[in-house]
Amino acid sequence: MTPLGEYLARKSVNKSMVARRTGLSKPRISELSLNPTAKLRADELVLIAKAIDADPCEMLVKLYGHLELTGD
């Protein structure tokens, strides 16, 4: 499961409802939730956040706040 999938599961979000509200397909929501190589686009994150009544910036930090810069 991806960080997005875990986030949605913790919030008990219905993925069909997210697909319906965002216009994203059910297979795309599933791919973003289950496939670790799937890349979540910024526009998708904002739509998903709006659909579940979450702050997109807060979601971004929860999903990707662990990332660190490399090198100098």
N, C-alpha and C. Protein backbone atom coordinates (compact mmCIF):
# COMPACT_ATOMS: atom_id res chain seq x y z
N MET A 1 0.84 -1.18 0.00
CA MET A 1 0.00 0.00 0.00
C MET A 1 0.89 1.24 0.00
N THR A 2 0.43 2.27 -0.68
CA THR A 2 1.18 3.52 -0.79
C THR A 2 0.85 4.44 0.39
N PRO A 3 1.64 5.49 0.58
CA PRO A 3 1.30 6.45 1.63
C PRO A 3 -0.13 7.01 1.46
N LEU A 4 -0.54 7.26 0.21
CA LEU A 4 -1.89 7.75 -0.02
C LEU A 4 -2.91 6.69 0.38
N GLY A 5 -2.65 5.44 0.01
CA GLY A 5 -3.55 4.35 0.38
C GLY A 5 -3.70 4.23 1.88
N GLU A 6 -2.59 4.34 2.60
CA GLU A 6 -2.62 4.28 4.06
C GLU A 6 -3.38 5.47 4.64
N TYR A 7 -3.16 6.64 4.08
CA TYR A 7 -3.84 7.85 4.54
C TYR A 7 -5.36 7.70 4.37
N LEU A 8 -5.78 7.24 3.19
CA LEU A 8 -7.21 7.06 2.93
C LEU A 8 -7.80 5.98 3.83
N ALA A 9 -7.05 4.91 4.07
CA ALA A 9 -7.54 3.83 4.94
C ALA A 9 -7.70 4.32 6.37
N ARG A 10 -6.74 5.08 6.87
CA ARG A 10 -6.82 5.63 8.24
C ARG A 10 -8.04 6.52 8.41
N LYS A 11 -8.40 7.24 7.35
CA LYS A 11 -9.54 8.14 7.40
C LYS A 11 -10.85 7.43 7.00
N SER A 12 -10.78 6.13 6.72
CA SER A 12 -11.95 5.34 6.31
C SER A 12 -12.67 5.97 5.11
N VAL A 13 -11.89 6.36 4.11
CA VAL A 13 -12.43 7.02 2.93
C VAL A 13 -12.90 5.99 1.92
N ASN A 14 -14.08 6.22 1.36
CA ASN A 14 -14.64 5.37 0.31
C ASN A 14 -14.03 5.81 -1.03
N LYS A 15 -13.26 4.93 -1.64
CA LYS A 15 -12.55 5.29 -2.87
C LYS A 15 -13.49 5.53 -4.04
N SER A 16 -14.64 4.86 -4.06
CA SER A 16 -15.62 5.09 -5.12
C SER A 16 -16.16 6.52 -5.04
N MET A 17 -16.39 6.98 -3.82
CA MET A 17 -16.87 8.35 -3.62
C MET A 17 -15.80 9.34 -4.10
N VAL A 18 -14.54 9.06 -3.79
CA VAL A 18 -13.44 9.93 -4.22
C VAL A 18 -13.40 9.98 -5.74
N ALA A 19 -13.52 8.84 -6.38
CA ALA A 19 -13.50 8.79 -7.84
C ALA A 19 -14.66 9.60 -8.42
N ARG A 20 -15.83 9.43 -7.87
CA ARG A 20 -17.01 10.15 -8.33
C ARG A 20 -16.84 11.66 -8.17
N ARG A 21 -16.38 12.10 -7.01
CA ARG A 21 -16.25 13.53 -6.74
C ARG A 21 -15.12 14.20 -7.51
N THR A 22 -14.03 13.47 -7.73
CA THR A 22 -12.86 14.06 -8.38
C THR A 22 -12.87 13.95 -9.89
N GLY A 23 -13.60 12.97 -10.41
CA GLY A 23 -13.55 12.71 -11.84
C GLY A 23 -12.40 11.79 -12.22
N LEU A 24 -11.60 11.38 -11.23
CA LEU A 24 -10.54 10.40 -11.48
C LEU A 24 -11.19 9.03 -11.57
N SER A 25 -10.63 8.16 -12.39
CA SER A 25 -11.22 6.83 -12.54
C SER A 25 -10.95 5.97 -11.30
N LYS A 26 -11.81 4.99 -11.08
CA LYS A 26 -11.61 4.06 -9.97
C LYS A 26 -10.28 3.33 -10.10
N PRO A 27 -9.93 2.87 -11.33
CA PRO A 27 -8.61 2.22 -11.47
C PRO A 27 -7.44 3.14 -11.11
N ARG A 28 -7.56 4.44 -11.42
CA ARG A 28 -6.48 5.38 -11.09
C ARG A 28 -6.38 5.56 -9.57
N ILE A 29 -7.52 5.66 -8.89
CA ILE A 29 -7.51 5.78 -7.43
C ILE A 29 -6.88 4.53 -6.82
N SER A 30 -7.25 3.37 -7.34
CA SER A 30 -6.67 2.11 -6.85
C SER A 30 -5.17 2.06 -7.10
N GLU A 31 -4.75 2.48 -8.29
CA GLU A 31 -3.32 2.48 -8.61
C GLU A 31 -2.56 3.40 -7.65
N LEU A 32 -3.09 4.58 -7.39
CA LEU A 32 -2.44 5.52 -6.49
C LEU A 32 -2.42 5.01 -5.06
N SER A 33 -3.37 4.15 -4.71
CA SER A 33 -3.47 3.62 -3.35
C SER A 33 -2.62 2.37 -3.14
N LEU A 34 -2.39 1.61 -4.22
CA LEU A 34 -1.77 0.30 -4.07
C LEU A 34 -0.40 0.14 -4.73
N ASN A 35 -0.15 0.88 -5.79
CA ASN A 35 1.08 0.69 -6.58
C ASN A 35 2.16 1.68 -6.13
N PRO A 36 3.21 1.18 -5.48
CA PRO A 36 4.26 2.08 -4.97
C PRO A 36 5.01 2.85 -6.07
N THR A 37 4.92 2.41 -7.32
CA THR A 37 5.60 3.13 -8.40
C THR A 37 4.70 4.18 -9.04
N ALA A 38 3.42 4.23 -8.66
CA ALA A 38 2.50 5.23 -9.22
C ALA A 38 2.89 6.61 -8.69
N LYS A 39 2.86 7.59 -9.54
CA LYS A 39 3.21 8.96 -9.17
C LYS A 39 1.93 9.78 -9.03
N LEU A 40 1.73 10.34 -7.85
CA LEU A 40 0.59 11.20 -7.56
C LEU A 40 0.89 12.61 -8.06
N ARG A 41 0.09 13.09 -8.99
CA ARG A 41 0.28 14.44 -9.52
C ARG A 41 -0.34 15.46 -8.56
N ALA A 42 0.16 16.68 -8.59
CA ALA A 42 -0.33 17.74 -7.71
C ALA A 42 -1.81 17.99 -7.92
N ASP A 43 -2.27 17.99 -9.17
CA ASP A 43 -3.69 18.25 -9.42
C ASP A 43 -4.55 17.14 -8.84
N GLU A 44 -4.06 15.90 -8.89
CA GLU A 44 -4.81 14.78 -8.31
C GLU A 44 -4.87 14.91 -6.78
N LEU A 45 -3.76 15.29 -6.17
CA LEU A 45 -3.73 15.45 -4.72
C LEU A 45 -4.73 16.52 -4.28
N VAL A 46 -4.77 17.64 -4.99
CA VAL A 46 -5.70 18.72 -4.63
C VAL A 46 -7.14 18.25 -4.79
N LEU A 47 -7.46 17.57 -5.86
CA LEU A 47 -8.82 17.07 -6.07
C LEU A 47 -9.22 16.07 -4.98
N ILE A 48 -8.31 15.16 -4.65
CA ILE A 48 -8.59 14.16 -3.61
C ILE A 48 -8.80 14.86 -2.27
N ALA A 49 -7.94 15.82 -1.96
CA ALA A 49 -8.08 16.56 -0.70
C ALA A 49 -9.43 17.26 -0.62
N LYS A 50 -9.84 17.90 -1.70
CA LYS A 50 -11.14 18.57 -1.72
C LYS A 50 -12.27 17.57 -1.55
N ALA A 51 -12.15 16.42 -2.19
CA ALA A 51 -13.21 15.40 -2.13
C ALA A 51 -13.39 14.85 -0.72
N ILE A 52 -12.31 14.80 0.05
CA ILE A 52 -12.42 14.23 1.41
C ILE A 52 -12.40 15.33 2.47
N ASP A 53 -12.52 16.57 2.03
CA ASP A 53 -12.57 17.72 2.93
C ASP A 53 -11.32 17.83 3.80
N ALA A 54 -10.16 17.70 3.15
CA ALA A 54 -8.87 17.79 3.83
C ALA A 54 -8.08 18.96 3.25
N ASP A 55 -7.12 19.45 4.00
CA ASP A 55 -6.24 20.52 3.54
C ASP A 55 -5.16 19.91 2.66
N PRO A 56 -5.07 20.32 1.38
CA PRO A 56 -4.07 19.74 0.48
C PRO A 56 -2.63 19.88 0.99
N CYS A 57 -2.32 21.00 1.61
CA CYS A 57 -0.96 21.22 2.11
C CYS A 57 -0.64 20.26 3.26
N GLU A 58 -1.61 20.09 4.14
CA GLU A 58 -1.42 19.16 5.25
C GLU A 58 -1.27 17.73 4.72
N MET A 59 -2.06 17.38 3.72
CA MET A 59 -1.95 16.05 3.11
C MET A 59 -0.58 15.85 2.49
N LEU A 60 -0.10 16.86 1.80
CA LEU A 60 1.21 16.79 1.15
C LEU A 60 2.30 16.52 2.18
N VAL A 61 2.26 17.22 3.29
CA VAL A 61 3.26 17.02 4.35
C VAL A 61 3.13 15.62 4.96
N LYS A 62 1.90 15.16 5.18
CA LYS A 62 1.70 13.83 5.76
C LYS A 62 2.22 12.74 4.82
N LEU A 63 2.00 12.92 3.52
CA LEU A 63 2.40 11.90 2.55
C LEU A 63 3.88 11.94 2.20
N TYR A 64 4.44 13.15 2.14
CA TYR A 64 5.81 13.28 1.62
C TYR A 64 6.76 14.06 2.53
N GLY A 65 6.33 14.38 3.74
CA GLY A 65 7.15 15.15 4.65
C GLY A 65 8.43 14.45 5.10
N HIS A 66 8.50 13.16 4.88
CA HIS A 66 9.67 12.38 5.29
C HIS A 66 10.84 12.54 4.31
N LEU A 67 10.59 13.11 3.15
CA LEU A 67 11.65 13.22 2.14
C LEU A 67 12.72 14.19 2.58
N GLU A 68 13.96 13.87 2.26
CA GLU A 68 15.12 14.70 2.63
C GLU A 68 15.90 15.06 1.38
N LEU A 69 16.56 16.20 1.42
CA LEU A 69 17.46 16.59 0.34
C LEU A 69 18.72 15.73 0.40
N THR A 70 19.31 15.49 -0.74
CA THR A 70 20.56 14.75 -0.80
C THR A 70 21.66 15.65 -1.33
N GLY A 71 22.87 15.33 -0.98
CA GLY A 71 24.01 16.11 -1.50
C GLY A 71 24.22 17.39 -0.72
N ASP A 72 24.94 18.30 -1.36
CA ASP A 72 25.34 19.56 -0.71
C ASP A 72 24.20 20.48 -0.53
